Amino acid sequence: MEVSVTVPVQTKNTMAVGETDRVPVQPGNRQERIENMANIISDETIEYVGILAKLELSDEEKEAAKQDMGRMLDYIDKLNELDTTGVEPMSHVFPVTNVFREDVVTNGDERDKILLNAPEQKDGAFKVPKTVE
């Protein structure tokens, strides 16, 4: 089964080809806004997401998914209201610094000391029995 869906995407002041404008959130109680957002999400979108996630959803689960997506979009709208001018983007909450040390040789050339542990040695290397014929 092949499903083709145009998913509504909200961008800042611009719309890409194939995108649809979402209905602005009207003043009212939170449940009304969630229901409005859930009405914007189509059954085809839920089907498409189900296919991508390899899920078989019942009608009740599809309705619950529409409500959940509506709540997510409502939360994103709430976050978009924040003024983030002058805020630097970050990849981590805490400052992260390189915890690795410099790759510096500290023990030097101690081949002679190491070869003292060898049961047999030849030409400055461990001598081992032949393993391949």
C-alpha atoms as a PDB file:
ATOM      1  CA  MET A   1       0.000   0.000   0.000  1.00  0.00           C
ATOM      2  CA  GLU A   2       1.429   3.375  -0.989  1.00  0.00           C
ATOM      3  CA  VAL A   3       0.392   6.538   0.823  1.00  0.00           C
ATOM      4  CA  SER A   4       1.309  10.052  -0.261  1.00  0.00           C
ATOM      5  CA  VAL A   5       0.855  12.747   2.358  1.00  0.00           C
ATOM      6  CA  THR A   6       1.683  16.424   2.691  1.00  0.00           C
ATOM      7  CA  VAL A   7       2.682  16.994   6.297  1.00  0.00           C
ATOM      8  CA  PRO A   8       2.024  20.469   7.698  1.00  0.00           C
ATOM      9  CA  VAL A   9       5.249  22.086   8.855  1.00  0.00           C
ATOM     10  CA  GLN A  10       5.523  25.416  10.593  1.00  0.00           C
ATOM     11  CA  THR A  11       8.527  27.498   9.729  1.00  0.00           C
ATOM     12  CA  LYS A  12       9.422  31.015  10.703  1.00  0.00           C
ATOM     13  CA  ASN A  13       7.905  33.475   8.210  1.00  0.00           C
ATOM     14  CA  THR A  14       8.445  31.198   5.187  1.00  0.00           C
ATOM     15  CA  MET A  15       6.668  28.204   3.772  1.00  0.00           C
ATOM     16  CA  ALA A  16       8.293  25.586   1.575  1.00  0.00           C
ATOM     17  CA  VAL A  17       6.608  24.108  -1.469  1.00  0.00           C
ATOM     18  CA  GLY A  18       3.947  21.571  -0.471  1.00  0.00           C
ATOM     19  CA  GLU A  19       3.566  22.853   3.073  1.00  0.00           C
ATOM     20  CA  THR A  20       0.285  24.070   4.437  1.00  0.00           C
ATOM     21  CA  ASP A  21      -0.343  26.937   6.796  1.00  0.00           C
ATOM     22  CA  ARG A  22      -1.528  25.948  10.247  1.00  0.00           C
ATOM     23  CA  VAL A  23      -4.478  27.686  11.839  1.00  0.00           C
ATOM     24  CA  PRO A  24      -3.218  30.202  14.427  1.00  0.00           C
ATOM     25  CA  VAL A  25      -3.977  29.322  18.018  1.00  0.00           C
ATOM     26  CA  GLN A  26      -6.965  31.274  19.201  1.00  0.00           C
ATOM     27  CA  PRO A  27      -7.438  32.382  22.783  1.00  0.00           C
ATOM     28  CA  GLY A  28      -9.387  29.826  24.707  1.00  0.00           C
ATOM     29  CA  ASN A  29      -8.844  26.943  27.001  1.00  0.00           C
ATOM     30  CA  ARG A  30      -6.043  24.456  26.427  1.00  0.00           C
ATOM     31  CA  GLN A  31      -8.353  21.563  25.526  1.00  0.00           C
ATOM     32  CA  GLU A  32      -9.919  23.607  22.696  1.00  0.00           C
ATOM     33  CA  ARG A  33      -6.454  24.412  21.280  1.00  0.00           C
ATOM     34  CA  ILE A  34      -5.410  20.740  21.427  1.00  0.00           C
ATOM     35  CA  GLU A  35      -8.606  19.708  19.657  1.00  0.00           C
ATOM     36  CA  ASN A  36      -7.962  22.381  17.004  1.00  0.00           C
ATOM     37  CA  MET A  37      -4.448  21.071  16.409  1.00  0.00           C
ATOM     38  CA  ALA A  38      -5.723  17.481  16.316  1.00  0.00           C
ATOM     39  CA  ASN A  39      -8.248  18.499  13.652  1.00  0.00           C
ATOM     40  CA  ILE A  40      -5.423  19.867  11.502  1.00  0.00           C
ATOM     41  CA  ILE A  41      -3.546  16.548  11.626  1.00  0.00           C
ATOM     42  CA  SER A  42      -5.175  14.367   9.017  1.00  0.00           C
ATOM     43  CA  ASP A  43      -5.884  10.656   9.148  1.00  0.00           C
ATOM     44  CA  GLU A  44      -3.472  10.253   6.228  1.00  0.00           C
ATOM     45  CA  THR A  45      -0.695  11.806   8.322  1.00  0.00           C
ATOM     46  CA  ILE A  46      -1.379   9.344  11.133  1.00  0.00           C
ATOM     47  CA  GLU A  47      -1.417   6.463   8.621  1.00  0.00           C
ATOM     48  CA  TYR A  48       1.882   7.655   7.160  1.00  0.00           C
ATOM     49  CA  VAL A  49       3.531   7.961  10.577  1.00  0.00           C
ATOM     50  CA  GLY A  50       2.223   4.498  11.442  1.00  0.00           C
ATOM     51  CA  ILE A  51       3.777   3.090   8.273  1.00  0.00           C
ATOM     52  CA  LEU A  52       7.106   4.784   9.009  1.00  0.00           C
ATOM     53  CA  ALA A  53       7.068   3.453  12.566  1.00  0.00           C
ATOM     54  CA  LYS A  54       5.867   0.022  11.350  1.00  0.00           C
ATOM     55  CA  LEU A  55       2.835   0.184  13.627  1.00  0.00           C
ATOM     56  CA  GLU A  56      -0.653  -1.117  13.106  1.00  0.00           C
ATOM     57  CA  LEU A  57      -2.952   1.276  14.931  1.00  0.00           C
ATOM     58  CA  SER A  58      -6.589   0.755  15.775  1.00  0.00           C
ATOM     59  CA  ASP A  59      -9.059   3.597  15.242  1.00  0.00           C
ATOM     60  CA  GLU A  60      -8.902   4.489  18.962  1.00  0.00           C
ATOM     61  CA  GLU A  61      -5.091   4.521  18.871  1.00  0.00           C
ATOM     62  CA  LYS A  62      -5.138   6.743  15.776  1.00  0.00           C
ATOM     63  CA  GLU A  63      -7.383   9.245  17.551  1.00  0.00           C
ATOM     64  CA  ALA A  64      -5.107   9.159  20.610  1.00  0.00           C
ATOM     65  CA  ALA A  65      -2.083   9.720  18.329  1.00  0.00           C
ATOM     66  CA  LYS A  66      -3.840  12.717  16.743  1.00  0.00           C
ATOM     67  CA  GLN A  67      -4.439  14.184  20.211  1.00  0.00           C
ATOM     68  CA  ASP A  68      -0.798  13.533  21.197  1.00  0.00           C
ATOM     69  CA  MET A  69       0.501  15.176  18.028  1.00  0.00           C
ATOM     70  CA  GLY A  70      -1.820  18.098  18.665  1.00  0.00           C
ATOM     71  CA  ARG A  71      -0.349  18.511  22.141  1.00  0.00           C
ATOM     72  CA  MET A  72       3.182  18.348  20.699  1.00  0.00           C
ATOM     73  CA  LEU A  73       2.400  21.024  18.114  1.00  0.00           C
ATOM     74  CA  ASP A  74       0.789  23.153  20.820  1.00  0.00           C
ATOM     75  CA  TYR A  75       3.950  22.852  22.924  1.00  0.00           C
ATOM     76  CA  ILE A  76       6.127  23.787  19.946  1.00  0.00           C
ATOM     77  CA  ASP A  77       3.933  26.848  19.373  1.00  0.00           C
ATOM     78  CA  LYS A  78       4.416  27.764  23.024  1.00  0.00           C
ATOM     79  CA  LEU A  79       8.203  27.431  22.649  1.00  0.00           C
ATOM     80  CA  ASN A  80       8.126  29.552  19.490  1.00  0.00           C
ATOM     81  CA  GLU A  81       6.686  32.413  21.554  1.00  0.00           C
ATOM     82  CA  LEU A  82       9.950  32.720  23.513  1.00  0.00           C
ATOM     83  CA  ASP A  83      12.322  35.533  22.602  1.00  0.00           C
ATOM     84  CA  THR A  84      15.668  33.865  21.866  1.00  0.00           C
ATOM     85  CA  THR A  85      17.472  36.841  20.383  1.00  0.00           C
ATOM     86  CA  GLY A  86      21.003  36.995  21.742  1.00  0.00           C
ATOM     87  CA  VAL A  87      20.901  33.400  22.992  1.00  0.00           C
ATOM     88  CA  GLU A  88      23.798  31.342  21.706  1.00  0.00           C
ATOM     89  CA  PRO A  89      22.918  27.884  20.347  1.00  0.00           C
ATOM     90  CA  MET A  90      24.338  25.067  22.428  1.00  0.00           C
ATOM     91  CA  SER A  91      24.809  21.360  22.081  1.00  0.00           C
ATOM     92  CA  HIS A  92      24.987  20.598  25.795  1.00  0.00           C
ATOM     93  CA  VAL A  93      23.568  22.155  28.943  1.00  0.00           C
ATOM     94  CA  PHE A  94      26.918  22.189  30.735  1.00  0.00           C
ATOM     95  CA  PRO A  95      30.151  23.507  29.231  1.00  0.00           C
ATOM     96  CA  VAL A  96      32.001  20.558  27.751  1.00  0.00           C
ATOM     97  CA  THR A  97      35.761  20.576  27.460  1.00  0.00           C
ATOM     98  CA  ASN A  98      38.148  18.049  26.007  1.00  0.00           C
ATOM     99  CA  VAL A  99      39.001  15.610  28.805  1.00  0.00           C
ATOM    100  CA  PHE A 100      41.657  13.769  26.808  1.00  0.00           C
ATOM    101  CA  ARG A 101      45.312  14.337  27.565  1.00  0.00           C
ATOM    102  CA  GLU A 102      47.880  15.145  24.928  1.00  0.00           C
ATOM    103  CA  ASP A 103      49.279  12.056  23.222  1.00  0.00           C
ATOM    104  CA  VAL A 104      52.808  12.315  24.572  1.00  0.00           C
ATOM    105  CA  VAL A 105      55.186   9.392  24.931  1.00  0.00           C
ATOM    106  CA  THR A 106      56.204   9.200  28.591  1.00  0.00           C
ATOM    107  CA  ASN A 107      57.969   5.862  28.911  1.00  0.00           C
ATOM    108  CA  GLY A 108      60.392   6.231  25.978  1.00  0.00           C
ATOM    109  CA  ASP A 109      62.294   3.356  24.387  1.00  0.00           C
ATOM    110  CA  GLU A 110      62.484   0.619  27.003  1.00  0.00           C
ATOM    111  CA  ARG A 111      62.787  -2.335  24.639  1.00  0.00           C
ATOM    112  CA  ASP A 112      65.694  -3.879  26.567  1.00  0.00           C
ATOM    113  CA  LYS A 113      63.731  -3.846  29.848  1.00  0.00           C
ATOM    114  CA  ILE A 114      60.664  -5.339  28.130  1.00  0.00           C
ATOM    115  CA  LEU A 115      62.699  -8.097  26.469  1.00  0.00           C
ATOM    116  CA  LEU A 116      63.954  -9.198  29.895  1.00  0.00           C
ATOM    117  CA  ASN A 117      60.453 -10.729  30.343  1.00  0.00           C
ATOM    118  CA  ALA A 118      60.712 -12.756  27.126  1.00  0.00           C
ATOM    119  CA  PRO A 119      61.431 -16.485  27.467  1.00  0.00           C
ATOM    120  CA  GLU A 120      63.398 -16.231  24.192  1.00  0.00           C
ATOM    121  CA  GLN A 121      64.461 -13.251  22.076  1.00  0.00           C
ATOM    122  CA  LYS A 122      66.038 -12.743  18.704  1.00  0.00           C
ATOM    123  CA  ASP A 123      67.223  -9.512  17.026  1.00  0.00           C
ATOM    124  CA  GLY A 124      65.537  -7.294  19.640  1.00  0.00           C
ATOM    125  CA  ALA A 125      62.116  -9.016  19.407  1.00  0.00           C
ATOM    126  CA  PHE A 126      60.185 -11.778  21.172  1.00  0.00           C
ATOM    127  CA  LYS A 127      60.854 -15.198  19.647  1.00  0.00           C
ATOM    128  CA  VAL A 128      57.745 -17.364  19.504  1.00  0.00           C
ATOM    129  CA  PRO A 129      57.006 -20.805  18.072  1.00  0.00           C
ATOM    130  CA  LYS A 130      55.940 -20.966  14.421  1.00  0.00           C
ATOM    131  CA  THR A 131      52.129 -21.041  14.201  1.00  0.00           C
ATOM    132  CA  VAL A 132      51.559 -21.080  10.407  1.00  0.00           C
ATOM    133  CA  GLU A 133      52.852 -23.871   8.149  1.00  0.00           C
END
